[in-house]
Each structure stands twice: as structure tokens, then as C-alpha cells.
Protein backbone atom coordinates (compact mmCIF):
# COMPACT_ATOMS: atom_id res chain seq x y z
CA MET A 1 -100.97 28.94 -263.78
CA ALA A 2 -103.67 26.53 -262.61
CA VAL A 3 -107.12 27.14 -264.09
CA ASN A 4 -110.42 26.19 -262.51
CA ALA A 5 -113.03 23.95 -264.09
CA SER A 6 -115.66 26.70 -264.29
CA ALA A 7 -113.38 28.85 -266.48
CA VAL A 8 -112.72 25.91 -268.80
CA LYS A 9 -116.47 25.22 -269.01
CA GLU A 10 -117.21 28.89 -269.80
CA LEU A 11 -114.55 28.99 -272.51
CA ARG A 12 -115.82 25.75 -274.09
CA GLU A 13 -119.37 27.13 -274.20
CA ARG A 14 -118.13 30.38 -275.70
CA THR A 15 -115.84 28.89 -278.36
CA GLY A 16 -116.79 25.23 -278.82
CA ALA A 17 -113.10 24.28 -278.61
CA GLY A 18 -111.86 21.07 -276.97
CA MET A 19 -111.29 20.86 -273.23
CA LEU A 20 -107.52 20.49 -273.49
CA ASP A 21 -107.24 23.40 -275.93
CA CYS A 22 -109.35 25.55 -273.59
CA LYS A 23 -107.17 24.64 -270.63
CA LYS A 24 -103.96 25.50 -272.50
CA ALA A 25 -105.39 28.79 -273.75
CA LEU A 26 -106.47 29.79 -270.24
CA GLU A 27 -103.02 28.98 -268.88
CA GLU A 28 -101.44 31.10 -271.61
CA ALA A 29 -103.91 33.94 -270.91
CA ASN A 30 -103.37 33.78 -267.13
CA GLY A 31 -106.99 32.79 -266.55
CA ASP A 32 -108.51 35.61 -268.65
CA VAL A 33 -111.43 33.95 -270.50
CA THR A 34 -111.83 36.73 -273.07
CA LYS A 35 -108.13 36.72 -273.95
CA ALA A 36 -108.13 32.91 -274.06
CA ALA A 37 -111.05 32.98 -276.52
CA GLU A 38 -109.07 35.35 -278.74
CA LEU A 39 -106.05 33.05 -278.60
CA LEU A 40 -108.19 30.09 -279.66
CA ARG A 41 -109.59 32.04 -282.60
CA GLU A 42 -106.09 33.11 -283.66
CA LYS A 43 -105.03 29.46 -283.66
CA GLY A 44 -108.18 28.42 -285.54
CA LEU A 45 -109.21 26.12 -282.70
CA SER A 46 -112.54 27.67 -281.78
CA ALA A 47 -115.72 26.43 -283.43
CA ALA A 48 -116.41 29.95 -284.65
CA ALA A 49 -113.04 30.17 -286.38
CA SER A 50 -113.43 26.77 -288.06
CA LYS A 51 -116.86 27.70 -289.43
CA ALA A 52 -116.06 31.28 -290.44
CA GLY A 53 -115.35 30.45 -294.09
CA ARG A 54 -118.51 28.45 -294.67
CA ALA A 55 -121.25 30.00 -296.81
CA ALA A 56 -124.19 31.42 -294.85
CA THR A 57 -126.99 32.31 -297.27
CA GLU A 58 -130.09 31.34 -295.30
CA GLY A 59 -131.48 33.08 -292.22
CA VAL A 60 -134.06 35.78 -291.54
CA VAL A 61 -134.78 39.47 -291.82
CA GLU A 62 -136.13 40.52 -288.43
CA SER A 63 -137.98 43.70 -287.48
CA TYR A 64 -138.09 45.31 -284.07
CA ILE A 65 -140.21 48.28 -282.99
CA HIS A 66 -139.35 50.09 -279.78
CA ALA A 67 -140.65 52.94 -277.60
CA GLY A 68 -144.22 52.94 -278.86
CA GLY A 69 -143.24 53.14 -282.50
CA ARG A 70 -140.52 55.78 -282.16
CA ILE A 71 -137.63 53.48 -283.14
CA GLY A 72 -137.69 50.74 -285.78
CA VAL A 73 -135.00 48.27 -286.84
CA LEU A 74 -134.60 45.84 -289.74
CA VAL A 75 -131.69 43.41 -289.55
CA GLU A 76 -130.56 40.53 -291.77
CA VAL A 77 -128.78 37.65 -290.03
CA ASN A 78 -127.58 34.69 -292.07
CA CYS A 79 -126.96 31.04 -291.24
CA GLU A 80 -126.08 28.01 -293.36
CA THR A 81 -129.38 26.12 -293.52
CA ASP A 82 -133.07 26.93 -293.67
CA PHE A 83 -133.61 24.47 -290.81
CA VAL A 84 -131.46 26.47 -288.37
CA GLY A 85 -133.01 29.71 -289.60
CA LYS A 86 -136.37 28.50 -288.34
CA THR A 87 -135.22 27.41 -284.87
CA ASP A 88 -136.20 29.37 -281.77
CA GLN A 89 -132.55 29.60 -280.66
CA PHE A 90 -131.54 31.33 -283.89
CA LYS A 91 -134.60 33.59 -283.94
CA ASP A 92 -134.03 34.63 -280.32
CA PHE A 93 -130.45 35.58 -281.20
CA VAL A 94 -131.65 37.70 -284.13
CA LYS A 95 -134.19 39.44 -281.89
CA ASP A 96 -131.41 40.23 -279.42
CA VAL A 97 -129.34 41.73 -282.24
CA ALA A 98 -132.27 43.87 -283.40
CA MET A 99 -132.85 45.06 -279.84
CA GLN A 100 -129.15 45.92 -279.52
CA ILE A 101 -129.32 48.04 -282.67
CA ALA A 102 -132.40 49.87 -281.40
CA ALA A 103 -130.82 50.57 -278.01
CA ALA A 104 -127.17 51.27 -278.91
CA ASN A 105 -127.58 52.90 -282.36
CA PRO A 106 -124.49 51.53 -284.15
CA LYS A 107 -123.50 52.92 -287.55
CA PHE A 108 -121.66 49.87 -288.90
CA VAL A 109 -121.58 46.10 -288.42
CA THR A 110 -117.77 45.85 -288.20
CA ARG A 111 -114.83 48.26 -288.00
CA GLU A 112 -113.87 47.27 -291.56
CA GLU A 113 -117.04 49.01 -292.80
CA VAL A 114 -116.00 52.42 -291.43
CA PRO A 115 -115.14 54.62 -294.45
CA THR A 116 -111.48 55.67 -294.56
CA ASP A 117 -112.35 59.37 -294.91
CA GLU A 118 -114.62 59.25 -291.86
CA LEU A 119 -111.95 57.47 -289.84
CA GLU A 120 -109.29 60.01 -290.84
CA LYS A 121 -111.63 62.88 -289.97
CA GLU A 122 -112.27 61.34 -286.55
CA LYS A 123 -108.51 60.97 -285.97
CA GLU A 124 -107.98 64.65 -286.83
CA ILE A 125 -110.66 65.69 -284.33
CA LEU A 126 -109.17 63.47 -281.62
CA LYS A 127 -105.66 64.80 -282.31
CA ALA A 128 -106.93 68.39 -282.05
CA GLN A 129 -108.65 67.54 -278.76
CA ALA A 130 -105.44 66.05 -277.37
CA LEU A 131 -103.45 69.14 -278.42
CA ASN A 132 -106.01 71.41 -276.80
CA GLU A 133 -105.68 69.37 -273.62
CA GLY A 134 -101.98 70.17 -273.64
CA LYS A 135 -100.81 66.61 -274.16
CA PRO A 136 -97.17 66.09 -275.28
CA GLU A 137 -96.72 65.45 -279.02
CA LYS A 138 -94.91 62.16 -278.39
CA ILE A 139 -97.91 60.51 -276.75
CA ILE A 140 -100.67 62.01 -278.89
CA GLU A 141 -100.57 59.28 -281.57
CA LYS A 142 -100.95 56.57 -278.92
CA MET A 143 -103.81 58.51 -277.31
CA VAL A 144 -105.55 58.88 -280.68
CA GLU A 145 -105.30 55.14 -281.35
CA GLY A 146 -106.76 54.42 -277.92
CA ARG A 147 -109.65 56.80 -278.52
CA ILE A 148 -110.26 55.33 -281.98
CA GLY A 149 -110.70 52.01 -280.18
CA LYS A 150 -113.45 53.66 -278.13
CA TYR A 151 -114.98 54.96 -281.37
CA TYR A 152 -115.18 51.40 -282.71
CA GLU A 153 -116.74 50.21 -279.46
CA GLU A 154 -119.40 52.88 -279.71
CA TYR A 155 -120.30 52.75 -283.40
CA CYS A 156 -119.45 49.20 -284.61
CA LEU A 157 -122.12 46.66 -283.70
CA MET A 158 -119.75 43.71 -283.31
CA GLU A 159 -117.63 45.62 -280.77
CA GLN A 160 -120.47 47.05 -278.72
CA THR A 161 -121.22 45.77 -275.23
CA PHE A 162 -124.32 43.56 -275.29
CA VAL A 163 -127.13 45.52 -273.62
CA LYS A 164 -128.55 42.40 -271.94
CA ASP A 165 -125.15 41.23 -270.64
CA PRO A 166 -122.44 43.91 -270.16
CA ASP A 167 -119.82 41.20 -269.61
CA LYS A 168 -119.74 40.30 -273.32
CA THR A 169 -119.61 42.01 -276.70
CA ILE A 170 -121.87 41.26 -279.66
CA SER A 171 -118.90 39.51 -281.29
CA GLN A 172 -118.59 37.21 -278.28
CA LEU A 173 -122.34 36.61 -278.26
CA LEU A 174 -122.18 35.68 -281.96
CA ASN A 175 -119.32 33.24 -281.40
CA GLU A 176 -121.25 31.60 -278.56
CA LYS A 177 -124.24 31.07 -280.83
CA ILE A 178 -122.04 29.64 -283.61
CA SER A 179 -120.62 27.15 -281.11
CA GLN A 180 -124.03 26.23 -279.69
CA ILE A 181 -125.89 25.99 -283.00
CA GLY A 182 -123.06 24.43 -284.99
CA GLU A 183 -123.34 26.60 -288.10
CA ASN A 184 -121.65 29.73 -289.36
CA ILE A 185 -123.77 32.79 -288.53
CA SER A 186 -123.25 36.25 -289.96
CA ILE A 187 -124.86 39.60 -289.14
CA ARG A 188 -124.97 40.98 -292.67
CA ARG A 189 -126.67 44.39 -292.56
CA PHE A 190 -129.20 46.53 -290.74
CA ALA A 191 -131.23 49.71 -290.98
CA ARG A 192 -132.38 51.77 -288.00
CA TYR A 193 -135.08 54.43 -288.11
CA GLU A 194 -135.88 56.94 -285.38
CA LEU A 195 -138.98 59.10 -285.55
CA GLY A 196 -138.13 62.64 -286.64
CA GLU A 197 -134.44 61.85 -287.17
CA GLY A 198 -132.86 64.42 -289.50
CA LEU A 199 -135.87 66.71 -289.45
CA GLU A 200 -135.71 70.24 -288.13
CA LYS A 201 -138.16 70.26 -285.26
CA LYS A 202 -140.14 73.37 -284.36
CA VAL A 203 -139.75 74.32 -280.72
CA ASP A 204 -142.73 76.29 -279.51
CA ASN A 205 -142.07 79.11 -277.05
CA PHE A 206 -145.42 79.50 -275.35
CA VAL A 207 -144.32 82.53 -273.28
CA GLU A 208 -143.41 84.48 -276.44
CA GLU A 209 -146.63 83.37 -278.12
CA VAL A 210 -148.78 84.59 -275.20
CA MET A 211 -146.90 87.92 -274.95
CA SER A 212 -147.29 88.54 -278.67
CA GLN A 213 -151.05 88.17 -278.28
CA VAL A 214 -151.14 90.48 -275.23
CA ASN A 215 -149.15 93.20 -277.01
CA LYS A 216 -151.45 93.30 -280.05
């Protein structure tokens, strides 16, 4: 199929691949930019793919405090050189990542970090849900796999929808930055703290308190 120039331009900005490669990928993907980007990565033609194996040991640890001090995030994002680590473009990207973590509360950076036992437990729960919904046995496994995909999208940072642009994932945002900056970039780890998280909070019942005083 014929592809328009704006789609080629968008794909080049997202992947850093050559114009002809972008055009061919879009034709193969029937004009779907996201699918075309995946095809380029599979073929090793995107800038992100070509830089993926390069060592990224510089970068920054960024902090982000949200909601008047109720949520705090620390995130480490690496790049190849100290020079890039000090640029506004790189720092702005890291701030966006920290904000994403504060807002979307991921548990892991990538799906590969999800512990096997946790994944199996989640699959068992999803299978039980499907059985309780009365779904036929023959389609339950496919349903579970589809719902596990949703689990990754919810809890894995790289697969979450970017809160500032719902049309792209964090993985796509990262690849764009790699292409624009020209260095390998890696979101290594993060920690998120929410005030009172894990604590048993006392809930005051003022009606009961007043009545107890009246009945004395």
C-alpha cells in the first residue's frame, strides 16, 4: 500500500531508521506506525536496536515528589556518556519517567523482571475467574494469555501508556529518545514510596465516639 510522508517522518523520528527502510516497513505493516517500528527493531534497522548492546553506565538518579509530599520516586536512568547525562533533553526524559512511576505505580521495569511464581499465581487467578464466568475450557488458555498481557501493561513500566501522551508507551518514548539523542539509554531501576503505604490506618468513627460519651 502507498504510505504518506507524514507517517514516514513519524517513524523516522521514533526509530532513527533510514527513509527507505521506514517506507518499506510501513508498507509491510499496512501503514501502522507502531507495527512498523516493531518490524524495524526486529530487523535491527532502528537506531534503538543498533545501540541496544552498547554499555550505558553514566546518567542520573532523579527524584520526584508528588501530591504535597505524599508520593516520592527515585529512578536511575543510564546513558553512555557524562555529557549526555547533563543535557536538558536527557534530564527532561528522566523527569518524565519519574512522573510516570509516581502516577502509574508500576512494580517492575520490564516483563522479564516479573518473578515466575508471581506470574504463575496470577495465571491461576485469571483461569479461576474465566471458569467462574462460564467460559469454555478450550478458550480459557487464550483468554488467560490475553489477560496476562493486560497485567504486563499495568505493572511493567516499559509497557505502560505514557501519562503525558496516551498514544505511546514508555518503551516507545525511550526508543524515540535513543534516536534523538544518539546514545543507548536504559531505565535501570526505581523505588516508589507512598505515605502510609503498608500501614494499618485507624479509621475514627465519630458517631460511636460521641455515643460512648453520652452513655457514660
